[in-house]
Amino acid sequence: MFKNDLEFSTLAMRHNIKLWDVRDVPTELPVGAGRVLSLDAKIILTVGTDCKIGKMTAAILMEEEMKKRGLRTAFIPTGQIGILIKGYGLSIDRVIGDFMAGATEQLILDHGKGADYIFVEGQGALAHLGYSAVTLGIMHGSLPDFMVLCHEPARKCVVESSFPLPALDVAISQYEGLISPYKKTRVTGIALKCPEMTKADCQKEMDRIENWLGLPTTDPMQFGTSRLVDAILKE
């Protein structure tokens, strides 16, 4: 960590600068205990068919859309980029496995006060053998009321592997099933990431998925998140 680097720490002291390592985590963290179940706020978690698939972007844009409508919201960063954007949070992948759920709970309790809708930034994916533990820790820590599933249509295999991406309906069943012992939850929409597709082709894919799954589908960067937010507010 750069804060322990002699050159950086010396320069920081010389210029009265505080070094902030966004991947540093506290040593004292609770284990998961379902404390978020006591909240009146609705919790929305972004999940994915893979990593690096737009979970943070979708969560931020949905929160912004709700703010435009005058609703009280909070955003819970669980990774370094989200932390840099918001100025607070915790890199859950740096937390010891036993405490990932508890750390997520604590973030929600600390930063979700006064909100009616709390957006939790998802990490990893259940389909990724390397990062699924982080995904599950955040799921069990946030115990979401709703989930938005992020997906890249042009991607065929899970990153860094030859394993195929799960079908959307399979992924939905997996994510909903892992929360079902604790509370009723469901995927309320699909957020696409379409960097290798034209806008017209992305629209066709959105229409195809909507007709198949019956869920509002959008590319948040190209078409906004209003329909995803509408689906949440209707619940």
C-alpha atoms as a PDB file:
ATOM      1  CA  MET A   1       0.000   0.000   0.000  1.00  0.00           C
ATOM      2  CA  PHE A   2       1.413   3.358  -1.030  1.00  0.00           C
ATOM      3  CA  LYS A   3       0.796   4.947   2.376  1.00  0.00           C
ATOM      4  CA  ASN A   4       3.584   2.683   3.684  1.00  0.00           C
ATOM      5  CA  ASP A   5       5.919   3.684   0.869  1.00  0.00           C
ATOM      6  CA  LEU A   6       8.706   5.802   2.349  1.00  0.00           C
ATOM      7  CA  GLU A   7       8.960   8.120  -0.646  1.00  0.00           C
ATOM      8  CA  PHE A   8       5.220   8.809  -0.820  1.00  0.00           C
ATOM      9  CA  SER A   9       4.751   9.151   2.942  1.00  0.00           C
ATOM     10  CA  THR A  10       7.723  11.524   3.225  1.00  0.00           C
ATOM     11  CA  LEU A  11       6.436  13.747   0.424  1.00  0.00           C
ATOM     12  CA  ALA A  12       2.939  13.723   1.938  1.00  0.00           C
ATOM     13  CA  MET A  13       4.250  14.860   5.321  1.00  0.00           C
ATOM     14  CA  ARG A  14       6.384  17.538   3.699  1.00  0.00           C
ATOM     15  CA  HIS A  15       3.430  19.020   1.836  1.00  0.00           C
ATOM     16  CA  ASN A  16       0.808  18.398   4.563  1.00  0.00           C
ATOM     17  CA  ILE A  17      -1.149  15.979   2.381  1.00  0.00           C
ATOM     18  CA  LYS A  18      -3.231  13.093   3.708  1.00  0.00           C
ATOM     19  CA  LEU A  19      -2.768   9.813   1.834  1.00  0.00           C
ATOM     20  CA  TRP A  20      -5.985   7.830   1.397  1.00  0.00           C
ATOM     21  CA  ASP A  21      -5.681   4.246   0.238  1.00  0.00           C
ATOM     22  CA  VAL A  22      -9.192   3.408  -0.957  1.00  0.00           C
ATOM     23  CA  ARG A  23      -8.390  -0.297  -0.832  1.00  0.00           C
ATOM     24  CA  ASP A  24      -7.462  -0.207   2.844  1.00  0.00           C
ATOM     25  CA  VAL A  25     -10.136  -1.688   5.136  1.00  0.00           C
ATOM     26  CA  PRO A  26     -10.732  -1.603   8.924  1.00  0.00           C
ATOM     27  CA  THR A  27      -9.469  -4.477  11.018  1.00  0.00           C
ATOM     28  CA  GLU A  28     -12.600  -4.593  13.192  1.00  0.00           C
ATOM     29  CA  LEU A  29     -15.691  -5.551  11.198  1.00  0.00           C
ATOM     30  CA  PRO A  30     -18.904  -7.409  12.133  1.00  0.00           C
ATOM     31  CA  VAL A  31     -20.135 -10.659  10.643  1.00  0.00           C
ATOM     32  CA  GLY A  32     -23.401 -10.666   8.723  1.00  0.00           C
ATOM     33  CA  ALA A  33     -26.496 -10.722  10.894  1.00  0.00           C
ATOM     34  CA  GLY A  34     -29.326  -9.451   8.684  1.00  0.00           C
ATOM     35  CA  ARG A  35     -29.427  -6.077  10.399  1.00  0.00           C
ATOM     36  CA  VAL A  36     -30.644  -4.375   7.205  1.00  0.00           C
ATOM     37  CA  LEU A  37     -33.948  -6.200   7.586  1.00  0.00           C
ATOM     38  CA  SER A  38     -34.886  -3.611  10.203  1.00  0.00           C
ATOM     39  CA  LEU A  39     -34.704  -0.759   7.685  1.00  0.00           C
ATOM     40  CA  ASP A  40     -37.806   0.775   6.140  1.00  0.00           C
ATOM     41  CA  ALA A  41     -35.868   1.728   3.003  1.00  0.00           C
ATOM     42  CA  LYS A  42     -35.964  -0.407  -0.123  1.00  0.00           C
ATOM     43  CA  ILE A  43     -32.569  -1.804  -1.101  1.00  0.00           C
ATOM     44  CA  ILE A  44     -31.597  -2.256  -4.747  1.00  0.00           C
ATOM     45  CA  LEU A  45     -28.522  -4.289  -5.686  1.00  0.00           C
ATOM     46  CA  THR A  46     -26.940  -4.484  -9.118  1.00  0.00           C
ATOM     47  CA  VAL A  47     -25.765  -7.978 -10.065  1.00  0.00           C
ATOM     48  CA  GLY A  48     -24.308  -9.376 -13.266  1.00  0.00           C
ATOM     49  CA  THR A  49     -23.839 -12.325 -15.567  1.00  0.00           C
ATOM     50  CA  ASP A  50     -20.119 -11.493 -15.345  1.00  0.00           C
ATOM     51  CA  CYS A  51     -17.569  -9.030 -13.981  1.00  0.00           C
ATOM     52  CA  LYS A  52     -16.860  -5.628 -15.558  1.00  0.00           C
ATOM     53  CA  ILE A  53     -20.339  -5.460 -16.971  1.00  0.00           C
ATOM     54  CA  GLY A  54     -21.752  -2.119 -15.788  1.00  0.00           C
ATOM     55  CA  LYS A  55     -23.014  -2.772 -12.255  1.00  0.00           C
ATOM     56  CA  MET A  56     -21.592   0.434 -10.770  1.00  0.00           C
ATOM     57  CA  THR A  57     -22.707   2.559 -13.717  1.00  0.00           C
ATOM     58  CA  ALA A  58     -26.255   1.204 -13.618  1.00  0.00           C
ATOM     59  CA  ALA A  59     -26.534   1.782  -9.860  1.00  0.00           C
ATOM     60  CA  ILE A  60     -25.225   5.351 -10.059  1.00  0.00           C
ATOM     61  CA  LEU A  61     -27.494   6.271 -12.970  1.00  0.00           C
ATOM     62  CA  MET A  62     -30.566   4.761 -11.329  1.00  0.00           C
ATOM     63  CA  GLU A  63     -29.866   6.687  -8.144  1.00  0.00           C
ATOM     64  CA  GLU A  64     -29.470   9.895 -10.161  1.00  0.00           C
ATOM     65  CA  GLU A  65     -32.788   9.223 -11.907  1.00  0.00           C
ATOM     66  CA  MET A  66     -34.542   8.801  -8.565  1.00  0.00           C
ATOM     67  CA  LYS A  67     -32.967  12.002  -7.249  1.00  0.00           C
ATOM     68  CA  LYS A  68     -34.333  13.879 -10.262  1.00  0.00           C
ATOM     69  CA  ARG A  69     -37.781  12.700  -9.200  1.00  0.00           C
ATOM     70  CA  GLY A  70     -37.287  14.157  -5.730  1.00  0.00           C
ATOM     71  CA  LEU A  71     -36.853  10.840  -3.933  1.00  0.00           C
ATOM     72  CA  ARG A  72     -34.541  10.327  -0.979  1.00  0.00           C
ATOM     73  CA  THR A  73     -31.732   7.989  -2.006  1.00  0.00           C
ATOM     74  CA  ALA A  74     -28.341   6.683  -0.936  1.00  0.00           C
ATOM     75  CA  PHE A  75     -25.536   5.003  -2.852  1.00  0.00           C
ATOM     76  CA  ILE A  76     -23.318   2.371  -1.243  1.00  0.00           C
ATOM     77  CA  PRO A  77     -19.876   2.037  -2.892  1.00  0.00           C
ATOM     78  CA  THR A  78     -18.302  -1.389  -2.529  1.00  0.00           C
ATOM     79  CA  GLY A  79     -15.306  -0.944  -4.834  1.00  0.00           C
ATOM     80  CA  GLN A  80     -12.488   1.499  -5.374  1.00  0.00           C
ATOM     81  CA  ILE A  81     -13.934   3.442  -8.319  1.00  0.00           C
ATOM     82  CA  GLY A  82     -17.256   3.930  -6.551  1.00  0.00           C
ATOM     83  CA  ILE A  83     -15.379   5.086  -3.466  1.00  0.00           C
ATOM     84  CA  LEU A  84     -13.425   7.653  -5.501  1.00  0.00           C
ATOM     85  CA  ILE A  85     -16.645   8.950  -7.065  1.00  0.00           C
ATOM     86  CA  LYS A  86     -18.596   9.251  -3.814  1.00  0.00           C
ATOM     87  CA  GLY A  87     -15.805   9.911  -1.308  1.00  0.00           C
ATOM     88  CA  TYR A  88     -16.726   7.066   1.068  1.00  0.00           C
ATOM     89  CA  GLY A  89     -17.276   3.309   1.048  1.00  0.00           C
ATOM     90  CA  LEU A  90     -15.333   0.101   1.397  1.00  0.00           C
ATOM     91  CA  SER A  91     -13.584  -2.208  -1.087  1.00  0.00           C
ATOM     92  CA  ILE A  92     -15.366  -5.406  -0.127  1.00  0.00           C
ATOM     93  CA  ASP A  93     -12.902  -7.587  -2.043  1.00  0.00           C
ATOM     94  CA  ARG A  94     -10.235  -6.549   0.477  1.00  0.00           C
ATOM     95  CA  VAL A  95     -12.311  -7.772   3.429  1.00  0.00           C
ATOM     96  CA  ILE A  96     -11.667 -11.224   4.951  1.00  0.00           C
ATOM     97  CA  GLY A  97     -14.370 -13.572   3.669  1.00  0.00           C
ATOM     98  CA  ASP A  98     -16.140 -14.106   7.005  1.00  0.00           C
ATOM     99  CA  PHE A  99     -16.774 -10.365   7.311  1.00  0.00           C
ATOM    100  CA  MET A 100     -17.841  -9.392   3.766  1.00  0.00           C
ATOM    101  CA  ALA A 101     -21.552  -9.588   4.528  1.00  0.00           C
ATOM    102  CA  GLY A 102     -21.144  -7.743   7.820  1.00  0.00           C
ATOM    103  CA  ALA A 103     -19.042  -5.015   6.206  1.00  0.00           C
ATOM    104  CA  THR A 104     -21.732  -4.511   3.558  1.00  0.00           C
ATOM    105  CA  GLU A 105     -24.405  -4.334   6.252  1.00  0.00           C
ATOM    106  CA  GLN A 106     -22.414  -1.726   8.135  1.00  0.00           C
ATOM    107  CA  LEU A 107     -21.959   0.415   5.020  1.00  0.00           C
ATOM    108  CA  ILE A 108     -25.706   0.403   4.419  1.00  0.00           C
ATOM    109  CA  LEU A 109     -26.513   1.243   8.037  1.00  0.00           C
ATOM    110  CA  ASP A 110     -23.919   4.041   8.125  1.00  0.00           C
ATOM    111  CA  HIS A 111     -24.648   5.680   4.764  1.00  0.00           C
ATOM    112  CA  GLY A 112     -28.282   4.796   4.107  1.00  0.00           C
ATOM    113  CA  LYS A 113     -29.772   6.880   6.915  1.00  0.00           C
ATOM    114  CA  GLY A 114     -32.735   8.974   5.842  1.00  0.00           C
ATOM    115  CA  ALA A 115     -33.039   7.300   2.439  1.00  0.00           C
ATOM    116  CA  ASP A 116     -36.128   5.632   1.059  1.00  0.00           C
ATOM    117  CA  TYR A 117     -34.171   3.831  -1.673  1.00  0.00           C
ATOM    118  CA  ILE A 118     -30.638   2.527  -1.171  1.00  0.00           C
ATOM    119  CA  PHE A 119     -28.582   1.507  -4.199  1.00  0.00           C
ATOM    120  CA  VAL A 120     -25.784  -0.967  -3.510  1.00  0.00           C
ATOM    121  CA  GLU A 121     -22.960  -1.273  -6.018  1.00  0.00           C
ATOM    122  CA  GLY A 122     -22.527  -4.934  -6.924  1.00  0.00           C
ATOM    123  CA  GLN A 123     -19.162  -6.629  -7.445  1.00  0.00           C
ATOM    124  CA  GLY A 124     -18.073  -9.718  -9.340  1.00  0.00           C
ATOM    125  CA  ALA A 125     -20.592 -12.317 -10.493  1.00  0.00           C
ATOM    126  CA  LEU A 126     -21.856 -15.676  -9.321  1.00  0.00           C
ATOM    127  CA  ALA A 127     -20.682 -17.118 -12.652  1.00  0.00           C
ATOM    128  CA  HIS A 128     -17.066 -16.049 -12.097  1.00  0.00           C
ATOM    129  CA  LEU A 129     -15.093 -18.642 -10.162  1.00  0.00           C
ATOM    130  CA  GLY A 130     -12.604 -16.041  -8.951  1.00  0.00           C
ATOM    131  CA  TYR A 131     -14.970 -13.377  -7.638  1.00  0.00           C
ATOM    132  CA  SER A 132     -18.216 -15.137  -6.751  1.00  0.00           C
ATOM    133  CA  ALA A 133     -17.409 -15.062  -3.028  1.00  0.00           C
ATOM    134  CA  VAL A 134     -17.418 -11.252  -3.047  1.00  0.00           C
ATOM    135  CA  THR A 135     -20.702 -11.248  -4.960  1.00  0.00           C
ATOM    136  CA  LEU A 136     -22.343 -13.536  -2.411  1.00  0.00           C
ATOM    137  CA  GLY A 137     -20.983 -11.549   0.524  1.00  0.00           C
ATOM    138  CA  ILE A 138     -22.546  -8.361  -0.825  1.00  0.00           C
ATOM    139  CA  MET A 139     -25.804 -10.165  -1.571  1.00  0.00           C
ATOM    140  CA  HIS A 140     -26.080 -11.549   1.961  1.00  0.00           C
ATOM    141  CA  GLY A 141     -25.011  -8.256   3.496  1.00  0.00           C
ATOM    142  CA  SER A 142     -27.474  -6.132   1.538  1.00  0.00           C
ATOM    143  CA  LEU A 143     -30.400  -8.621   1.386  1.00  0.00           C
ATOM    144  CA  PRO A 144     -31.915  -6.553  -1.435  1.00  0.00           C
ATOM    145  CA  ASP A 145     -35.590  -5.999  -2.064  1.00  0.00           C
ATOM    146  CA  PHE A 146     -34.870  -5.679  -5.779  1.00  0.00           C
ATOM    147  CA  MET A 147     -32.021  -6.549  -8.109  1.00  0.00           C
ATOM    148  CA  VAL A 148     -31.100  -5.257 -11.552  1.00  0.00           C
ATOM    149  CA  LEU A 149     -29.202  -7.773 -13.669  1.00  0.00           C
ATOM    150  CA  CYS A 150     -26.384  -6.375 -15.815  1.00  0.00           C
ATOM    151  CA  HIS A 151     -25.367  -8.133 -19.018  1.00  0.00           C
ATOM    152  CA  GLU A 152     -23.240  -7.633 -22.128  1.00  0.00           C
ATOM    153  CA  PRO A 153     -24.947  -9.300 -25.124  1.00  0.00           C
ATOM    154  CA  ALA A 154     -21.801  -9.498 -27.271  1.00  0.00           C
ATOM    155  CA  ARG A 155     -19.786 -11.250 -24.561  1.00  0.00           C
ATOM    156  CA  LYS A 156     -19.768 -15.012 -24.922  1.00  0.00           C
ATOM    157  CA  CYS A 157     -17.477 -16.212 -22.113  1.00  0.00           C
ATOM    158  CA  VAL A 158     -16.878 -15.208 -18.523  1.00  0.00           C
ATOM    159  CA  VAL A 159     -13.826 -12.933 -18.419  1.00  0.00           C
ATOM    160  CA  GLU A 160     -10.477 -14.648 -17.934  1.00  0.00           C
ATOM    161  CA  SER A 161     -12.028 -18.030 -18.718  1.00  0.00           C
ATOM    162  CA  SER A 162     -13.560 -20.215 -21.401  1.00  0.00           C
ATOM    163  CA  PHE A 163     -16.771 -20.777 -19.436  1.00  0.00           C
ATOM    164  CA  PRO A 164     -19.886 -19.484 -21.228  1.00  0.00           C
ATOM    165  CA  LEU A 165     -21.954 -16.697 -19.696  1.00  0.00           C
ATOM    166  CA  PRO A 166     -25.106 -18.040 -18.043  1.00  0.00           C
ATOM    167  CA  ALA A 167     -28.399 -17.481 -19.817  1.00  0.00           C
ATOM    168  CA  LEU A 168     -30.314 -14.545 -18.371  1.00  0.00           C
ATOM    169  CA  ASP A 169     -33.167 -16.674 -17.059  1.00  0.00           C
ATOM    170  CA  VAL A 170     -30.714 -19.019 -15.340  1.00  0.00           C
ATOM    171  CA  ALA A 171     -28.835 -16.104 -13.760  1.00  0.00           C
ATOM    172  CA  ILE A 172     -32.090 -14.594 -12.515  1.00  0.00           C
ATOM    173  CA  SER A 173     -33.091 -17.860 -10.823  1.00  0.00           C
ATOM    174  CA  GLN A 174     -29.664 -18.149  -9.188  1.00  0.00           C
ATOM    175  CA  TYR A 175     -29.635 -14.619  -7.798  1.00  0.00           C
ATOM    176  CA  GLU A 176     -33.210 -14.705  -6.556  1.00  0.00           C
ATOM    177  CA  GLY A 177     -32.780 -18.187  -5.075  1.00  0.00           C
ATOM    178  CA  LEU A 178     -29.811 -17.236  -2.935  1.00  0.00           C
ATOM    179  CA  ILE A 179     -31.772 -14.449  -1.222  1.00  0.00           C
ATOM    180  CA  SER A 180     -35.039 -16.377  -0.887  1.00  0.00           C
ATOM    181  CA  PRO A 181     -34.226 -18.053   2.470  1.00  0.00           C
ATOM    182  CA  TYR A 182     -34.038 -14.600   4.083  1.00  0.00           C
ATOM    183  CA  LYS A 183     -36.598 -12.452   2.245  1.00  0.00           C
ATOM    184  CA  LYS A 184     -38.609 -12.206  -0.925  1.00  0.00           C
ATOM    185  CA  THR A 185     -36.679 -10.503  -3.691  1.00  0.00           C
ATOM    186  CA  ARG A 186     -36.714 -10.404  -7.456  1.00  0.00           C
ATOM    187  CA  VAL A 187     -34.883  -9.095 -10.480  1.00  0.00           C
ATOM    188  CA  THR A 188     -36.951  -6.160 -11.732  1.00  0.00           C
ATOM    189  CA  GLY A 189     -34.977  -5.177 -14.830  1.00  0.00           C
ATOM    190  CA  ILE A 190     -32.037  -5.797 -17.147  1.00  0.00           C
ATOM    191  CA  ALA A 191     -29.240  -3.270 -17.736  1.00  0.00           C
ATOM    192  CA  LEU A 192     -27.235  -3.910 -20.894  1.00  0.00           C
ATOM    193  CA  LYS A 193     -23.713  -2.886 -21.803  1.00  0.00           C
ATOM    194  CA  CYS A 194     -23.404  -2.632 -25.585  1.00  0.00           C
ATOM    195  CA  PRO A 195     -19.979  -1.205 -26.510  1.00  0.00           C
ATOM    196  CA  GLU A 196     -19.598  -3.416 -29.586  1.00  0.00           C
ATOM    197  CA  MET A 197     -23.108  -2.902 -30.942  1.00  0.00           C
ATOM    198  CA  THR A 198     -24.743  -0.101 -32.871  1.00  0.00           C
ATOM    199  CA  LYS A 199     -27.524   1.773 -31.129  1.00  0.00           C
ATOM    200  CA  ALA A 200     -30.053   0.133 -33.473  1.00  0.00           C
ATOM    201  CA  ASP A 201     -28.730  -3.367 -32.746  1.00  0.00           C
ATOM    202  CA  CYS A 202     -28.754  -2.624 -29.022  1.00  0.00           C
ATOM    203  CA  GLN A 203     -32.405  -1.575 -29.286  1.00  0.00           C
ATOM    204  CA  LYS A 204     -33.226  -4.833 -31.076  1.00  0.00           C
ATOM    205  CA  GLU A 205     -31.534  -6.806 -28.303  1.00  0.00           C
ATOM    206  CA  MET A 206     -33.420  -4.825 -25.681  1.00  0.00           C
ATOM    207  CA  ASP A 207     -36.703  -5.640 -27.409  1.00  0.00           C
ATOM    208  CA  ARG A 208     -35.786  -9.325 -27.722  1.00  0.00           C
ATOM    209  CA  ILE A 209     -34.970  -9.646 -24.025  1.00  0.00           C
ATOM    210  CA  GLU A 210     -38.117  -7.780 -22.973  1.00  0.00           C
ATOM    211  CA  ASN A 211     -40.283 -10.064 -25.100  1.00  0.00           C
ATOM    212  CA  TRP A 212     -38.517 -13.119 -23.669  1.00  0.00           C
ATOM    213  CA  LEU A 213     -38.356 -12.241 -19.976  1.00  0.00           C
ATOM    214  CA  GLY A 214     -41.092  -9.646 -19.600  1.00  0.00           C
ATOM    215  CA  LEU A 215     -38.674  -7.309 -17.802  1.00  0.00           C
ATOM    216  CA  PRO A 216     -37.809  -3.699 -18.698  1.00  0.00           C
ATOM    217  CA  THR A 217     -34.453  -3.694 -20.471  1.00  0.00           C
ATOM    218  CA  THR A 218     -32.196  -0.779 -21.314  1.00  0.00           C
ATOM    219  CA  ASP A 219     -28.628   0.295 -21.925  1.00  0.00           C
ATOM    220  CA  PRO A 220     -28.261   2.905 -19.151  1.00  0.00           C
ATOM    221  CA  MET A 221     -25.539   4.806 -20.989  1.00  0.00           C
ATOM    222  CA  GLN A 222     -27.474   5.119 -24.250  1.00  0.00           C
ATOM    223  CA  PHE A 223     -31.117   5.036 -23.225  1.00  0.00           C
ATOM    224  CA  GLY A 224     -31.161   6.049 -19.552  1.00  0.00           C
ATOM    225  CA  THR A 225     -32.632   4.239 -16.569  1.00  0.00           C
ATOM    226  CA  SER A 226     -36.130   5.674 -16.293  1.00  0.00           C
ATOM    227  CA  ARG A 227     -37.850   2.374 -17.110  1.00  0.00           C
ATOM    228  CA  LEU A 228     -35.724   0.481 -14.587  1.00  0.00           C
ATOM    229  CA  VAL A 229     -36.679   3.025 -11.930  1.00  0.00           C
ATOM    230  CA  ASP A 230     -40.342   2.887 -12.959  1.00  0.00           C
ATOM    231  CA  ALA A 231     -40.338  -0.884 -12.404  1.00  0.00           C
ATOM    232  CA  ILE A 232     -38.875  -0.481  -8.909  1.00  0.00           C
ATOM    233  CA  LEU A 233     -41.350   2.225  -7.925  1.00  0.00           C
ATOM    234  CA  LYS A 234     -44.288   0.123  -9.086  1.00  0.00           C
ATOM    235  CA  GLU A 235     -43.433  -2.679  -6.644  1.00  0.00           C
END
